[in-house]
Amino acid sequence: MIGRLSGTLLEKNPPQLLLDVQGVAYEVDVPMSTFYNLPATGQPVTLFTHLVVREDAHLLYGFGSEGERRAFRQLVKVNGIGAKIALAVLSGLSVGELAQAITMQESGRLTKIPGIGKTAVGVHRPAPVTSDILHALLSLGYSDKEATATVKQLPDGLAVADGIRQALKLLAKM
């Protein structure tokens, strides 16, 4: 896996850039938060990366900070949120703003991002899956009180990934 690239910035075509690393040019998709902080072309750049291997393509995503990459990786683990939506989330909000929007339950900030919608409220879930969902929300920066209250609203029978996705949507609604 390619974890980090350091090289010379050759081109900037939002949301993609071309990075020359010792004669090999990598096409890297970046969130706008990273894009806005890039230096001028011809300057050195270091990006934390995430490689997605699909049947029809190998896609490389770059981030200006380890925090952005970590948030991206957490987002793409959620069922229904792919790399494009995760990039859109990080393009619309910095990692700090995303954590604040989630913590403050500012649904307007999250639902304005394409691909993020609202969901219905359900009933409490069994403990093992609930625990995994709760830990995921806490790792994304939610308070214990917010995460616990949200998990209690989830319907029974959800997989962990679906539960996280619905919990994020519920928190965005609040």
Protein backbone atom coordinates (compact mmCIF):
# COMPACT_ATOMS: atom_id res chain seq x y z
CA MET A 1 0.00 0.00 0.00
CA ILE A 2 1.15 3.54 -0.67
CA GLY A 3 1.00 5.39 2.66
CA ARG A 4 2.73 8.65 1.84
CA LEU A 5 4.11 10.47 -1.17
CA SER A 6 6.69 13.25 -1.24
CA GLY A 7 7.51 14.95 -4.50
CA THR A 8 7.05 17.94 -6.74
CA LEU A 9 3.61 19.29 -7.52
CA LEU A 10 3.22 19.27 -11.31
CA GLU A 11 -0.47 20.10 -11.90
CA LYS A 12 -3.53 21.16 -9.93
CA ASN A 13 -6.92 20.35 -11.45
CA PRO A 14 -9.48 20.22 -8.63
CA PRO A 15 -9.98 17.77 -7.05
CA GLN A 16 -7.02 16.02 -8.67
CA LEU A 17 -3.35 16.81 -8.68
CA LEU A 18 -0.32 15.35 -10.37
CA LEU A 19 2.65 14.67 -8.10
CA ASP A 20 6.10 13.77 -9.47
CA VAL A 21 7.95 11.39 -7.17
CA GLN A 22 11.44 10.80 -8.58
CA GLY A 23 10.23 10.65 -12.17
CA VAL A 24 6.95 8.81 -11.56
CA ALA A 25 3.88 11.05 -11.71
CA TYR A 26 0.96 10.03 -9.49
CA GLU A 27 -2.61 11.21 -10.07
CA VAL A 28 -4.04 11.88 -6.62
CA ASP A 29 -7.58 12.95 -5.69
CA VAL A 30 -7.65 15.24 -2.68
CA PRO A 31 -10.40 16.92 -0.64
CA MET A 32 -10.68 20.65 -1.20
CA SER A 33 -9.41 21.25 2.34
CA THR A 34 -6.08 19.77 1.23
CA PHE A 35 -6.26 21.35 -2.22
CA TYR A 36 -6.58 24.87 -0.80
CA ASN A 37 -3.42 24.38 1.26
CA LEU A 38 -1.23 23.18 -1.61
CA PRO A 39 1.79 25.25 -2.62
CA ALA A 40 2.31 26.56 -6.15
CA THR A 41 3.15 24.10 -8.92
CA GLY A 42 6.82 23.22 -8.99
CA GLN A 43 7.03 23.21 -5.19
CA PRO A 44 7.62 20.18 -2.93
CA VAL A 45 4.58 18.45 -1.38
CA THR A 46 4.09 15.60 1.06
CA LEU A 47 0.72 13.84 1.19
CA PHE A 48 -0.62 11.04 3.35
CA THR A 49 -2.35 8.63 0.99
CA HIS A 50 -5.00 5.94 0.81
CA LEU A 51 -5.03 3.50 -2.11
CA VAL A 52 -8.32 1.97 -3.25
CA VAL A 53 -8.00 -1.05 -5.54
CA ARG A 54 -11.08 -1.85 -7.60
CA GLU A 55 -11.61 -4.29 -10.44
CA ASP A 56 -11.51 -1.46 -12.98
CA ALA A 57 -9.12 1.03 -11.34
CA HIS A 58 -6.51 1.79 -8.71
CA LEU A 59 -7.43 5.11 -7.09
CA LEU A 60 -5.08 7.14 -4.93
CA TYR A 61 -6.43 9.67 -2.44
CA GLY A 62 -4.18 12.23 -0.76
CA PHE A 63 -4.46 14.26 2.43
CA GLY A 64 -2.51 17.13 3.90
CA SER A 65 -2.65 15.66 7.39
CA GLU A 66 -2.83 12.30 9.10
CA GLY A 67 -6.08 13.48 10.75
CA GLU A 68 -7.75 13.98 7.36
CA ARG A 69 -6.66 10.53 6.20
CA ARG A 70 -7.89 8.95 9.44
CA ALA A 71 -11.28 10.69 9.08
CA PHE A 72 -11.50 9.56 5.44
CA ARG A 73 -10.77 5.96 6.42
CA GLN A 74 -13.44 6.06 9.14
CA LEU A 75 -15.98 7.51 6.73
CA VAL A 76 -15.39 4.94 3.96
CA LYS A 77 -15.89 2.11 6.47
CA VAL A 78 -19.50 3.20 6.86
CA ASN A 79 -21.87 1.30 4.59
CA GLY A 80 -23.24 3.62 1.91
CA ILE A 81 -20.39 6.13 2.15
CA GLY A 82 -17.83 5.67 -0.57
CA ALA A 83 -14.65 7.52 -1.33
CA LYS A 84 -16.43 10.27 -3.30
CA ILE A 85 -18.85 11.08 -0.48
CA ALA A 86 -16.01 10.93 2.07
CA LEU A 87 -14.02 13.40 -0.07
CA ALA A 88 -17.11 15.60 -0.33
CA VAL A 89 -17.49 15.58 3.46
CA LEU A 90 -13.83 16.52 3.95
CA SER A 91 -14.08 19.10 1.17
CA GLY A 92 -17.03 20.76 2.85
CA LEU A 93 -15.69 20.57 6.39
CA SER A 94 -12.24 20.33 7.94
CA VAL A 95 -11.68 17.45 10.34
CA GLY A 96 -12.15 19.86 13.25
CA GLU A 97 -15.34 21.30 11.76
CA LEU A 98 -16.67 17.80 11.09
CA ALA A 99 -15.99 16.78 14.68
CA GLN A 100 -17.61 20.00 15.92
CA ALA A 101 -20.66 19.56 13.69
CA ILE A 102 -21.07 16.03 14.98
CA THR A 103 -20.47 17.02 18.62
CA MET A 104 -22.78 20.03 18.44
CA GLN A 105 -25.31 18.00 16.41
CA GLU A 106 -25.41 20.66 13.71
CA SER A 107 -27.36 18.69 11.13
CA GLY A 108 -27.55 21.57 8.68
CA ARG A 109 -23.80 21.50 8.12
CA LEU A 110 -23.78 17.79 7.35
CA THR A 111 -26.98 17.47 5.32
CA LYS A 112 -25.79 20.19 2.92
CA ILE A 113 -23.07 17.81 1.73
CA PRO A 114 -24.22 15.83 -1.35
CA GLY A 115 -24.93 12.18 -0.51
CA ILE A 116 -25.70 12.73 3.18
CA GLY A 117 -29.40 12.53 3.94
CA LYS A 118 -31.69 12.02 6.91
CA THR A 119 -32.88 8.75 8.44
CA ALA A 120 -35.73 7.45 10.57
CA VAL A 121 -35.55 6.96 14.32
CA GLY A 122 -35.92 3.40 15.64
CA VAL A 123 -35.58 1.41 18.87
CA HIS A 124 -32.65 0.22 21.03
CA ARG A 125 -30.22 -2.44 19.69
CA PRO A 126 -28.63 -5.50 21.35
CA ALA A 127 -25.40 -4.84 23.31
CA PRO A 128 -22.56 -6.35 21.15
CA VAL A 129 -23.36 -4.41 17.97
CA THR A 130 -24.33 -1.37 20.04
CA SER A 131 -20.91 -1.41 21.67
CA ASP A 132 -19.12 -1.41 18.29
CA ILE A 133 -21.26 1.45 17.01
CA LEU A 134 -20.75 3.38 20.25
CA HIS A 135 -16.96 2.98 20.02
CA ALA A 136 -16.98 4.14 16.40
CA LEU A 137 -18.94 7.29 17.30
CA LEU A 138 -16.63 8.03 20.21
CA SER A 139 -13.58 7.64 17.95
CA LEU A 140 -15.13 10.17 15.56
CA GLY A 141 -15.25 12.73 18.36
CA TYR A 142 -18.79 12.42 19.70
CA SER A 143 -19.30 12.77 23.44
CA ASP A 144 -20.31 9.69 25.44
CA LYS A 145 -23.73 11.23 26.12
CA GLU A 146 -24.43 12.01 22.44
CA ALA A 147 -23.17 8.65 21.21
CA THR A 148 -25.16 6.68 23.80
CA ALA A 149 -28.39 8.60 23.15
CA THR A 150 -28.00 8.12 19.40
CA VAL A 151 -27.27 4.38 19.59
CA LYS A 152 -30.44 3.90 21.65
CA GLN A 153 -32.46 5.29 18.73
CA LEU A 154 -31.19 2.76 16.18
CA PRO A 155 -33.50 -0.06 14.98
CA ASP A 156 -32.78 -3.71 15.76
CA GLY A 157 -31.08 -5.99 13.27
CA LEU A 158 -28.57 -3.56 11.76
CA ALA A 159 -25.03 -4.52 10.87
CA VAL A 160 -22.33 -2.43 12.54
CA ALA A 161 -21.55 -0.44 9.36
CA ASP A 162 -25.24 0.31 8.76
CA GLY A 163 -25.62 1.32 12.39
CA ILE A 164 -22.72 3.76 12.16
CA ARG A 165 -24.11 5.27 8.96
CA GLN A 166 -27.58 5.70 10.49
CA ALA A 167 -26.10 7.04 13.73
CA LEU A 168 -24.18 9.68 11.78
CA LYS A 169 -27.37 10.63 9.98
CA LEU A 170 -29.26 10.83 13.28
CA LEU A 171 -26.58 13.02 14.78
CA ALA A 172 -26.70 15.24 11.69
CA LYS A 173 -30.47 15.66 12.22
CA MET A 174 -30.14 16.86 15.82
